[in-house]
Amino acid sequence: MIKHLLYLCFLIAPFCSNAQDIHFSQFTRTQFLINPAFTGTFSGNVRATMNWKDQWRSVNKTFRTYATSAEVSFAKGRARRPTFYALGIHMAKDVSGDIQLGTTTIGASFASLIQLSRNQRLCLGVQGAFGKSGISTANMQWGSQYSGLNFDPTLYDGEGIEYLPQQYSDFSAGIGYWYHKNDRSVIFAAAQDAKIGLAVYHINRPENAFTVSGNSRVPMRVAFHASAVLATPASNLYVYPNFTAQFQGPQHEFFFGAIMKYVIKSGSKMTGMTADMSVAGGLNFRVNNVFDAIVPQVFFDFQAFSVGMSYDISVSGLKAASSYRGGFELSLRFTNPDRYTHRNPQRRGVTI
């Protein structure tokens, strides 16, 4: 009984006290979680991404997180109106433990990308979302439900607690700077693509408690992100240093590292049809209260498709239970090529 109660408290406490957000390690594939201002900041018109993460499988029931998102940019190609816009939608769900503690969200983002110069844009974005969180009481077991010989779920649990799903609306906003090189000329250490931004999530601090008497509000989350794709002396080889810092209530997280990308084959510049092929890989590190995890990542790009794989290697105190096994993460991304590429063969730049 004590084991079940401690396990229940371990699962519920973070959500009741701090209401932490869902979490992925492939930040380049979950822009809606980092900054809504970066919606549409890619070479192309339409981008769709699917994410899946299975965390701490070695520790009983795991944390499983799923997400899908899509972005579309419009009003491009108007020389007299240099500002274009982007719209994004996303859906995410996470579930964990025997009691299936989880949150489901669906939302939309809108960004305005204002041209400052040929290669620079100011990005402003807002995001609205609807969420639902709760637990399944069917698998809860209490001491008062043991008849002396076995467990009887029909017996009154004696706790007097009523659990209800909690629905809430959410609002977030962000600002960012995007440098995107419009040609393929390579200068050593010169940025091909760079982003820096600041976002605030849960501005309205929605209530998120799933007990009738609960009164818990989601603390605001502040996210700062900076990254760049830099050319190297080697032909078709680029390095992607990145840094992300997030603060939510008493919790904080720093995620940083670098990824190397090698372009095996560049797409055709004459027809506007892409046939790009590349591979990228590197290491990132996650630090919160302690040095938490080492995250190796690898990405394969072929034409309009990209597959990303990563694994969180737990190095914190949890390694005693997890045996360094953190979580496997998989992403699949499709990017529709920019229809204006054939008009300007030098338009397409290098991204991760």
Foldseek 3Di string as FASTA:
>chain_A
DVVLVVVVCVVCVCCQAANDDDDDQPCVQCVVVFALLCFPVAFFFKKKKKKWKWWLPLFPKTKIKIKIKMKGKDPPPDPVQHKTKMKMKMWMKIFTDPFGWMKIKIKMKIKIWDDPDPFKTKIKMKMKMKMKTWTHCPRDFAPQQQPPPGGHVVGDRPPPWDFAIDIKMWMKIKIKMKGAFFFEDADAFDFRIKMWMKMKIRPVFIFGDGIPPGGGTHFIKIKIKIWTWGDHPDPQKTKIWIWMWMDGVPKIKIKTWMKMKGWPDFQDQAPLFTFTWIKMWTWMWMAIVHRFWIKIKIWTDTRFKMKIKIFTQGPPPCCVSSVRGTMIMIMMMGGHHHPCSNVPSGRHTDDD
